[in-house]
Amino acid sequence: MRTLYVGNLPWATRAEELQEVFGRHGEVISARVITDRETGRSRGFGFVEVADDDVENMIAAMNGTELDGRVITVNEAKAREERA
């Protein structure tokens, strides 16, 4: 299992929608949209956990595509300790 970062999401995007859209290109294990702890509103990005075999296909298929009027960014998520 590997995790994809999905950025520039429309504010109204829900985890179920991510799961459905990415599921067209391979096996989705889980999807989540990150929300602000205080307001509960979307922060405009999320993560999709996918089967190892589907990572490259999903990145190629989804990166730069439009979701509800916004062009999304999709790449492999970096481990937390690698972030600055």
PDB file of N, CA and C in Angstrom:
ATOM      1  N   MET A   1       0.851  -1.185   0.000  1.00  0.00           N
ATOM      2  CA  MET A   1       0.000   0.000   0.000  1.00  0.00           C
ATOM      3  C   MET A   1       0.887   1.236   0.000  1.00  0.00           C
ATOM      4  N   ARG A   2       0.506   2.238  -0.820  1.00  0.00           N
ATOM      5  CA  ARG A   2       1.239   3.501  -0.869  1.00  0.00           C
ATOM      6  C   ARG A   2       0.229   4.635  -0.829  1.00  0.00           C
ATOM      7  N   THR A   3       0.709   5.809  -0.484  1.00  0.00           N
ATOM      8  CA  THR A   3      -0.173   6.956  -0.301  1.00  0.00           C
ATOM      9  C   THR A   3       0.117   8.026  -1.340  1.00  0.00           C
ATOM     10  N   LEU A   4      -0.951   8.540  -1.943  1.00  0.00           N
ATOM     11  CA  LEU A   4      -0.846   9.640  -2.894  1.00  0.00           C
ATOM     12  C   LEU A   4      -1.320  10.924  -2.233  1.00  0.00           C
ATOM     13  N   TYR A   5      -0.601  12.011  -2.496  1.00  0.00           N
ATOM     14  CA  TYR A   5      -1.022  13.349  -2.081  1.00  0.00           C
ATOM     15  C   TYR A   5      -1.869  13.913  -3.214  1.00  0.00           C
ATOM     16  N   VAL A   6      -2.999  14.519  -2.875  1.00  0.00           N
ATOM     17  CA  VAL A   6      -3.873  15.141  -3.869  1.00  0.00           C
ATOM     18  C   VAL A   6      -4.077  16.590  -3.448  1.00  0.00           C
ATOM     19  N   GLY A   7      -3.556  17.515  -4.246  1.00  0.00           N
ATOM     20  CA  GLY A   7      -3.614  18.928  -3.892  1.00  0.00           C
ATOM     21  C   GLY A   7      -4.498  19.740  -4.814  1.00  0.00           C
ATOM     22  N   ASN A   8      -4.821  20.951  -4.366  1.00  0.00           N
ATOM     23  CA  ASN A   8      -5.665  21.910  -5.082  1.00  0.00           C
ATOM     24  C   ASN A   8      -7.095  21.394  -5.248  1.00  0.00           C
ATOM     25  N   LEU A   9      -7.562  20.681  -4.233  1.00  0.00           N
ATOM     26  CA  LEU A   9      -8.928  20.152  -4.279  1.00  0.00           C
ATOM     27  C   LEU A   9      -9.952  21.272  -4.127  1.00  0.00           C
ATOM     28  N   PRO A  10     -11.078  21.148  -4.822  1.00  0.00           N
ATOM     29  CA  PRO A  10     -12.180  22.073  -4.567  1.00  0.00           C
ATOM     30  C   PRO A  10     -12.630  21.925  -3.109  1.00  0.00           C
ATOM     31  N   TRP A  11     -13.041  23.013  -2.494  1.00  0.00           N
ATOM     32  CA  TRP A  11     -13.401  22.992  -1.070  1.00  0.00           C
ATOM     33  C   TRP A  11     -14.512  22.003  -0.751  1.00  0.00           C
ATOM     34  N   ALA A  12     -15.398  21.749  -1.714  1.00  0.00           N
ATOM     35  CA  ALA A  12     -16.547  20.876  -1.455  1.00  0.00           C
ATOM     36  C   ALA A  12     -16.237  19.389  -1.647  1.00  0.00           C
ATOM     37  N   THR A  13     -15.032  19.045  -2.081  1.00  0.00           N
ATOM     38  CA  THR A  13     -14.695  17.643  -2.339  1.00  0.00           C
ATOM     39  C   THR A  13     -14.744  16.828  -1.056  1.00  0.00           C
ATOM     40  N   ARG A  14     -15.361  15.657  -1.151  1.00  0.00           N
ATOM     41  CA  ARG A  14     -15.452  14.746   0.003  1.00  0.00           C
ATOM     42  C   ARG A  14     -14.619  13.502  -0.266  1.00  0.00           C
ATOM     43  N   ALA A  15     -14.280  12.793   0.788  1.00  0.00           N
ATOM     44  CA  ALA A  15     -13.456  11.584   0.675  1.00  0.00           C
ATOM     45  C   ALA A  15     -14.103  10.561  -0.256  1.00  0.00           C
ATOM     46  N   GLU A  16     -15.409  10.435  -0.189  1.00  0.00           N
ATOM     47  CA  GLU A  16     -16.115   9.466  -1.032  1.00  0.00           C
ATOM     48  C   GLU A  16     -15.924   9.789  -2.515  1.00  0.00           C
ATOM     49  N   GLU A  17     -15.908  11.068  -2.833  1.00  0.00           N
ATOM     50  CA  GLU A  17     -15.709  11.474  -4.222  1.00  0.00           C
ATOM     51  C   GLU A  17     -14.289  11.129  -4.684  1.00  0.00           C
ATOM     52  N   LEU A  18     -13.296  11.365  -3.831  1.00  0.00           N
ATOM     53  CA  LEU A  18     -11.921  10.985  -4.172  1.00  0.00           C
ATOM     54  C   LEU A  18     -11.826   9.486  -4.420  1.00  0.00           C
ATOM     55  N   GLN A  19     -12.452   8.720  -3.544  1.00  0.00           N
ATOM     56  CA  GLN A  19     -12.412   7.265  -3.671  1.00  0.00           C
ATOM     57  C   GLN A  19     -13.035   6.826  -4.999  1.00  0.00           C
ATOM     58  N   GLU A  20     -14.143   7.434  -5.364  1.00  0.00           N
ATOM     59  CA  GLU A  20     -14.817   7.076  -6.613  1.00  0.00           C
ATOM     60  C   GLU A  20     -13.979   7.449  -7.834  1.00  0.00           C
ATOM     61  N   VAL A  21     -13.456   8.670  -7.867  1.00  0.00           N
ATOM     62  CA  VAL A  21     -12.699   9.151  -9.021  1.00  0.00           C
ATOM     63  C   VAL A  21     -11.400   8.363  -9.198  1.00  0.00           C
ATOM     64  N   PHE A  22     -10.663   8.154  -8.118  1.00  0.00           N
ATOM     65  CA  PHE A  22      -9.405   7.415  -8.214  1.00  0.00           C
ATOM     66  C   PHE A  22      -9.653   5.928  -8.452  1.00  0.00           C
ATOM     67  N   GLY A  23     -10.772   5.419  -7.973  1.00  0.00           N
ATOM     68  CA  GLY A  23     -11.109   4.013  -8.150  1.00  0.00           C
ATOM     69  C   GLY A  23     -11.299   3.606  -9.598  1.00  0.00           C
ATOM     70  N   ARG A  24     -11.512   4.566 -10.468  1.00  0.00           N
ATOM     71  CA  ARG A  24     -11.635   4.270 -11.904  1.00  0.00           C
ATOM     72  C   ARG A  24     -10.296   3.837 -12.502  1.00  0.00           C
ATOM     73  N   HIS A  25      -9.201   4.095 -11.780  1.00  0.00           N
ATOM     74  CA  HIS A  25      -7.859   3.837 -12.316  1.00  0.00           C
ATOM     75  C   HIS A  25      -7.090   2.785 -11.532  1.00  0.00           C
ATOM     76  N   GLY A  26      -7.739   2.137 -10.568  1.00  0.00           N
ATOM     77  CA  GLY A  26      -7.066   1.102  -9.795  1.00  0.00           C
ATOM     78  C   GLY A  26      -7.734   0.908  -8.446  1.00  0.00           C
ATOM     79  N   GLU A  27      -7.073   0.125  -7.595  1.00  0.00           N
ATOM     80  CA  GLU A  27      -7.635  -0.208  -6.286  1.00  0.00           C
ATOM     81  C   GLU A  27      -7.349   0.887  -5.261  1.00  0.00           C
ATOM     82  N   VAL A  28      -8.409   1.468  -4.709  1.00  0.00           N
ATOM     83  CA  VAL A  28      -8.290   2.471  -3.651  1.00  0.00           C
ATOM     84  C   VAL A  28      -8.581   1.787  -2.321  1.00  0.00           C
ATOM     85  N   ILE A  29      -7.649   1.910  -1.391  1.00  0.00           N
ATOM     86  CA  ILE A  29      -7.826   1.318  -0.071  1.00  0.00           C
ATOM     87  C   ILE A  29      -8.572   2.282   0.840  1.00  0.00           C
ATOM     88  N   SER A  30      -8.187   3.560   0.790  1.00  0.00           N
ATOM     89  CA  SER A  30      -8.900   4.576   1.564  1.00  0.00           C
ATOM     90  C   SER A  30      -8.618   5.951   0.972  1.00  0.00           C
ATOM     91  N   ALA A  31      -9.456   6.910   1.326  1.00  0.00           N
ATOM     92  CA  ALA A  31      -9.271   8.290   0.882  1.00  0.00           C
ATOM     93  C   ALA A  31      -9.705   9.207   2.014  1.00  0.00           C
ATOM     94  N   ARG A  32      -8.998  10.327   2.158  1.00  0.00           N
ATOM     95  CA  ARG A  32      -9.405  11.299   3.168  1.00  0.00           C
ATOM     96  C   ARG A  32      -9.070  12.706   2.701  1.00  0.00           C
ATOM     97  N   VAL A  33      -9.935  13.634   3.052  1.00  0.00           N
ATOM     98  CA  VAL A  33      -9.728  15.051   2.785  1.00  0.00           C
ATOM     99  C   VAL A  33      -9.344  15.681   4.114  1.00  0.00           C
ATOM    100  N   ILE A  34      -8.268  16.452   4.123  1.00  0.00           N
ATOM    101  CA  ILE A  34      -7.786  17.064   5.356  1.00  0.00           C
ATOM    102  C   ILE A  34      -8.608  18.317   5.652  1.00  0.00           C
ATOM    103  N   THR A  35      -9.062  18.416   6.893  1.00  0.00           N
ATOM    104  CA  THR A  35      -9.895  19.550   7.298  1.00  0.00           C
ATOM    105  C   THR A  35      -9.225  20.354   8.405  1.00  0.00           C
ATOM    106  N   ASP A  36      -9.618  21.601   8.510  1.00  0.00           N
ATOM    107  CA  ASP A  36      -9.145  22.478   9.575  1.00  0.00           C
ATOM    108  C   ASP A  36      -9.760  22.013  10.888  1.00  0.00           C
ATOM    109  N   ARG A  37      -8.947  21.869  11.918  1.00  0.00           N
ATOM    110  CA  ARG A  37      -9.449  21.363  13.201  1.00  0.00           C
ATOM    111  C   ARG A  37     -10.483  22.283  13.834  1.00  0.00           C
ATOM    112  N   GLU A  38     -10.304  23.572  13.666  1.00  0.00           N
ATOM    113  CA  GLU A  38     -11.216  24.522  14.315  1.00  0.00           C
ATOM    114  C   GLU A  38     -12.514  24.725  13.550  1.00  0.00           C
ATOM    115  N   THR A  39     -12.414  24.854  12.230  1.00  0.00           N
ATOM    116  CA  THR A  39     -13.612  25.170  11.445  1.00  0.00           C
ATOM    117  C   THR A  39     -14.273  23.937  10.835  1.00  0.00           C
ATOM    118  N   GLY A  40     -13.509  22.847  10.681  1.00  0.00           N
ATOM    119  CA  GLY A  40     -14.047  21.652  10.046  1.00  0.00           C
ATOM    120  C   GLY A  40     -14.107  21.747   8.533  1.00  0.00           C
ATOM    121  N   ARG A  41     -13.621  22.868   7.981  1.00  0.00           N
ATOM    122  CA  ARG A  41     -13.647  23.061   6.529  1.00  0.00           C
ATOM    123  C   ARG A  41     -12.422  22.429   5.876  1.00  0.00           C
ATOM    124  N   SER A  42     -12.577  22.045   4.631  1.00  0.00           N
ATOM    125  CA  SER A  42     -11.484  21.440   3.874  1.00  0.00           C
ATOM    126  C   SER A  42     -10.304  22.393   3.783  1.00  0.00           C
ATOM    127  N   ARG A  43      -9.097  21.829   3.839  1.00  0.00           N
ATOM    128  CA  ARG A  43      -7.883  22.623   3.658  1.00  0.00           C
ATOM    129  C   ARG A  43      -7.416  22.569   2.207  1.00  0.00           C
ATOM    130  N   GLY A  44      -8.184  21.895   1.341  1.00  0.00           N
ATOM    131  CA  GLY A  44      -7.871  21.889  -0.085  1.00  0.00           C
ATOM    132  C   GLY A  44      -6.912  20.804  -0.529  1.00  0.00           C
ATOM    133  N   PHE A  45      -6.653  19.832   0.348  1.00  0.00           N
ATOM    134  CA  PHE A  45      -5.824  18.706  -0.065  1.00  0.00           C
ATOM    135  C   PHE A  45      -6.251  17.454   0.676  1.00  0.00           C
ATOM    136  N   GLY A  46      -5.766  16.323   0.186  1.00  0.00           N
ATOM    137  CA  GLY A  46      -6.119  15.060   0.811  1.00  0.00           C
ATOM    138  C   GLY A  46      -5.138  13.976   0.437  1.00  0.00           C
ATOM    139  N   PHE A  47      -5.442  12.760   0.872  1.00  0.00           N
ATOM    140  CA  PHE A  47      -4.577  11.617   0.622  1.00  0.00           C
ATOM    141  C   PHE A  47      -5.421  10.429   0.183  1.00  0.00           C
ATOM    142  N   VAL A  48      -4.878   9.653  -0.743  1.00  0.00           N
ATOM    143  CA  VAL A  48      -5.542   8.450  -1.223  1.00  0.00           C
ATOM    144  C   VAL A  48      -4.551   7.297  -1.069  1.00  0.00           C
ATOM    145  N   GLU A  49      -4.944   6.273  -0.333  1.00  0.00           N
ATOM    146  CA  GLU A  49      -4.104   5.085  -0.182  1.00  0.00           C
ATOM    147  C   GLU A  49      -4.502   4.090  -1.258  1.00  0.00           C
ATOM    148  N   VAL A  50      -3.495   3.611  -1.992  1.00  0.00           N
ATOM    149  CA  VAL A  50      -3.754   2.739  -3.136  1.00  0.00           C
ATOM    150  C   VAL A  50      -2.861   1.504  -3.088  1.00  0.00           C
ATOM    151  N   ALA A  51      -3.235   0.496  -3.856  1.00  0.00           N
ATOM    152  CA  ALA A  51      -2.420  -0.709  -3.984  1.00  0.00           C
ATOM    153  C   ALA A  51      -1.104  -0.346  -4.671  1.00  0.00           C
ATOM    154  N   ASP A  52      -0.016  -0.979  -4.253  1.00  0.00           N
ATOM    155  CA  ASP A  52       1.314  -0.693  -4.808  1.00  0.00           C
ATOM    156  C   ASP A  52       1.340  -0.723  -6.332  1.00  0.00           C
ATOM    157  N   ASP A  53       0.664  -1.699  -6.915  1.00  0.00           N
ATOM    158  CA  ASP A  53       0.691  -1.873  -8.367  1.00  0.00           C
ATOM    159  C   ASP A  53       0.013  -0.736  -9.127  1.00  0.00           C
ATOM    160  N   ASP A  54      -0.819   0.045  -8.467  1.00  0.00           N
ATOM    161  CA  ASP A  54      -1.609   1.068  -9.149  1.00  0.00           C
ATOM    162  C   ASP A  54      -1.060   2.488  -9.011  1.00  0.00           C
ATOM    163  N   VAL A  55       0.020   2.674  -8.256  1.00  0.00           N
ATOM    164  CA  VAL A  55       0.527   4.024  -7.964  1.00  0.00           C
ATOM    165  C   VAL A  55       0.868   4.802  -9.227  1.00  0.00           C
ATOM    166  N   GLU A  56       1.749   4.274 -10.052  1.00  0.00           N
ATOM    167  CA  GLU A  56       2.202   5.007 -11.240  1.00  0.00           C
ATOM    168  C   GLU A  56       1.050   5.282 -12.200  1.00  0.00           C
ATOM    169  N   ASN A  57       0.165   4.313 -12.378  1.00  0.00           N
ATOM    170  CA  ASN A  57      -0.979   4.481 -13.264  1.00  0.00           C
ATOM    171  C   ASN A  57      -1.893   5.603 -12.767  1.00  0.00           C
ATOM    172  N   MET A  58      -2.138   5.637 -11.463  1.00  0.00           N
ATOM    173  CA  MET A  58      -3.028   6.669 -10.919  1.00  0.00           C
ATOM    174  C   MET A  58      -2.414   8.055 -11.022  1.00  0.00           C
ATOM    175  N   ILE A  59      -1.115   8.170 -10.738  1.00  0.00           N
ATOM    176  CA  ILE A  59      -0.459   9.474 -10.858  1.00  0.00           C
ATOM    177  C   ILE A  59      -0.541   9.952 -12.303  1.00  0.00           C
ATOM    178  N   ALA A  60      -0.203   9.076 -13.247  1.00  0.00           N
ATOM    179  CA  ALA A  60      -0.239   9.441 -14.666  1.00  0.00           C
ATOM    180  C   ALA A  60      -1.647   9.817 -15.116  1.00  0.00           C
ATOM    181  N   ALA A  61      -2.644   9.081 -14.635  1.00  0.00           N
ATOM    182  CA  ALA A  61      -4.022   9.311 -15.068  1.00  0.00           C
ATOM    183  C   ALA A  61      -4.641  10.550 -14.432  1.00  0.00           C
ATOM    184  N   MET A  62      -4.275  10.865 -13.182  1.00  0.00           N
ATOM    185  CA  MET A  62      -4.992  11.902 -12.440  1.00  0.00           C
ATOM    186  C   MET A  62      -4.257  13.236 -12.303  1.00  0.00           C
ATOM    187  N   ASN A  63      -2.935  13.247 -12.315  1.00  0.00           N
ATOM    188  CA  ASN A  63      -2.202  14.495 -12.134  1.00  0.00           C
ATOM    189  C   ASN A  63      -2.505  15.460 -13.279  1.00  0.00           C
ATOM    190  N   GLY A  64      -2.893  16.683 -12.937  1.00  0.00           N
ATOM    191  CA  GLY A  64      -3.198  17.690 -13.944  1.00  0.00           C
ATOM    192  C   GLY A  64      -4.604  17.615 -14.504  1.00  0.00           C
ATOM    193  N   THR A  65      -5.423  16.707 -13.980  1.00  0.00           N
ATOM    194  CA  THR A  65      -6.803  16.617 -14.457  1.00  0.00           C
ATOM    195  C   THR A  65      -7.690  17.583 -13.680  1.00  0.00           C
ATOM    196  N   GLU A  66      -8.873  17.808 -14.208  1.00  0.00           N
ATOM    197  CA  GLU A  66      -9.802  18.744 -13.582  1.00  0.00           C
ATOM    198  C   GLU A  66     -10.818  17.992 -12.727  1.00  0.00           C
ATOM    199  N   LEU A  67     -11.022  18.506 -11.521  1.00  0.00           N
ATOM    200  CA  LEU A  67     -12.021  17.947 -10.615  1.00  0.00           C
ATOM    201  C   LEU A  67     -12.896  19.100 -10.147  1.00  0.00           C
ATOM    202  N   ASP A  68     -14.149  19.086 -10.552  1.00  0.00           N
ATOM    203  CA  ASP A  68     -15.097  20.149 -10.193  1.00  0.00           C
ATOM    204  C   ASP A  68     -14.535  21.544 -10.466  1.00  0.00           C
ATOM    205  N   GLY A  69     -13.902  21.701 -11.637  1.00  0.00           N
ATOM    206  CA  GLY A  69     -13.443  23.016 -12.062  1.00  0.00           C
ATOM    207  C   GLY A  69     -12.046  23.407 -11.613  1.00  0.00           C
ATOM    208  N   ARG A  70     -11.357  22.549 -10.867  1.00  0.00           N
ATOM    209  CA  ARG A  70      -9.991  22.868 -10.426  1.00  0.00           C
ATOM    210  C   ARG A  70      -9.031  21.796 -10.919  1.00  0.00           C
ATOM    211  N   VAL A  71      -7.861  22.227 -11.360  1.00  0.00           N
ATOM    212  CA  VAL A  71      -6.833  21.294 -11.818  1.00  0.00           C
ATOM    213  C   VAL A  71      -6.095  20.773 -10.590  1.00  0.00           C
ATOM    214  N   ILE A  72      -6.140  19.456 -10.391  1.00  0.00           N
ATOM    215  CA  ILE A  72      -5.547  18.872  -9.187  1.00  0.00           C
ATOM    216  C   ILE A  72      -4.109  18.411  -9.435  1.00  0.00           C
ATOM    217  N   THR A  73      -3.350  18.369  -8.349  1.00  0.00           N
ATOM    218  CA  THR A  73      -1.976  17.876  -8.348  1.00  0.00           C
ATOM    219  C   THR A  73      -1.970  16.533  -7.644  1.00  0.00           C
ATOM    220  N   VAL A  74      -1.358  15.538  -8.261  1.00  0.00           N
ATOM    221  CA  VAL A  74      -1.288  14.208  -7.648  1.00  0.00           C
ATOM    222  C   VAL A  74       0.153  13.723  -7.723  1.00  0.00           C
ATOM    223  N   ASN A  75       0.704  13.349  -6.567  1.00  0.00           N
ATOM    224  CA  ASN A  75       2.026  12.731  -6.533  1.00  0.00           C
ATOM    225  C   ASN A  75       2.127  11.833  -5.315  1.00  0.00           C
ATOM    226  N   GLU A  76       3.206  11.073  -5.248  1.00  0.00           N
ATOM    227  CA  GLU A  76       3.364  10.178  -4.106  1.00  0.00           C
ATOM    228  C   GLU A  76       3.656  11.014  -2.869  1.00  0.00           C
ATOM    229  N   ALA A  77       2.930  10.730  -1.791  1.00  0.00           N
ATOM    230  CA  ALA A  77       3.091  11.489  -0.549  1.00  0.00           C
ATOM    231  C   ALA A  77       4.450  11.193   0.063  1.00  0.00           C
ATOM    232  N   LYS A  78       5.038  12.231   0.661  1.00  0.00           N
ATOM    233  CA  LYS A  78       6.304  12.067   1.364  1.00  0.00           C
ATOM    234  C   LYS A  78       6.012  11.679   2.807  1.00  0.00           C
ATOM    235  N   ALA A  79       6.881  10.891   3.387  1.00  0.00           N
ATOM    236  CA  ALA A  79       6.728  10.530   4.800  1.00  0.00           C
ATOM    237  C   ALA A  79       6.860  11.789   5.646  1.00  0.00           C
ATOM    238  N   ARG A  80       6.162  11.836   6.751  1.00  0.00           N
ATOM    239  CA  ARG A  80       6.133  13.021   7.591  1.00  0.00           C
ATOM    240  C   ARG A  80       7.521  13.521   7.987  1.00  0.00           C
ATOM    241  N   GLU A  81       8.436  12.616   8.342  1.00  0.00           N
ATOM    242  CA  GLU A  81       9.761  13.032   8.787  1.00  0.00           C
ATOM    243  C   GLU A  81      10.599  13.642   7.667  1.00  0.00           C
ATOM    244  N   GLU A  82      10.208  13.446   6.403  1.00  0.00           N
ATOM    245  CA  GLU A  82      10.940  14.033   5.285  1.00  0.00           C
ATOM    246  C   GLU A  82      10.538  15.475   5.019  1.00  0.00           C
ATOM    247  N   ARG A  83       9.414  15.892   5.547  1.00  0.00           N
ATOM    248  CA  ARG A  83       8.929  17.250   5.297  1.00  0.00           C
ATOM    249  C   ARG A  83       9.678  18.253   6.154  1.00  0.00           C
ATOM    250  N   ALA A  84       9.891  19.424   5.582  1.00  0.00           N
ATOM    251  CA  ALA A  84      10.593  20.477   6.341  1.00  0.00           C
ATOM    252  C   ALA A  84       9.612  21.322   7.115  1.00  0.00           C
TER     253      ALA A  84
END
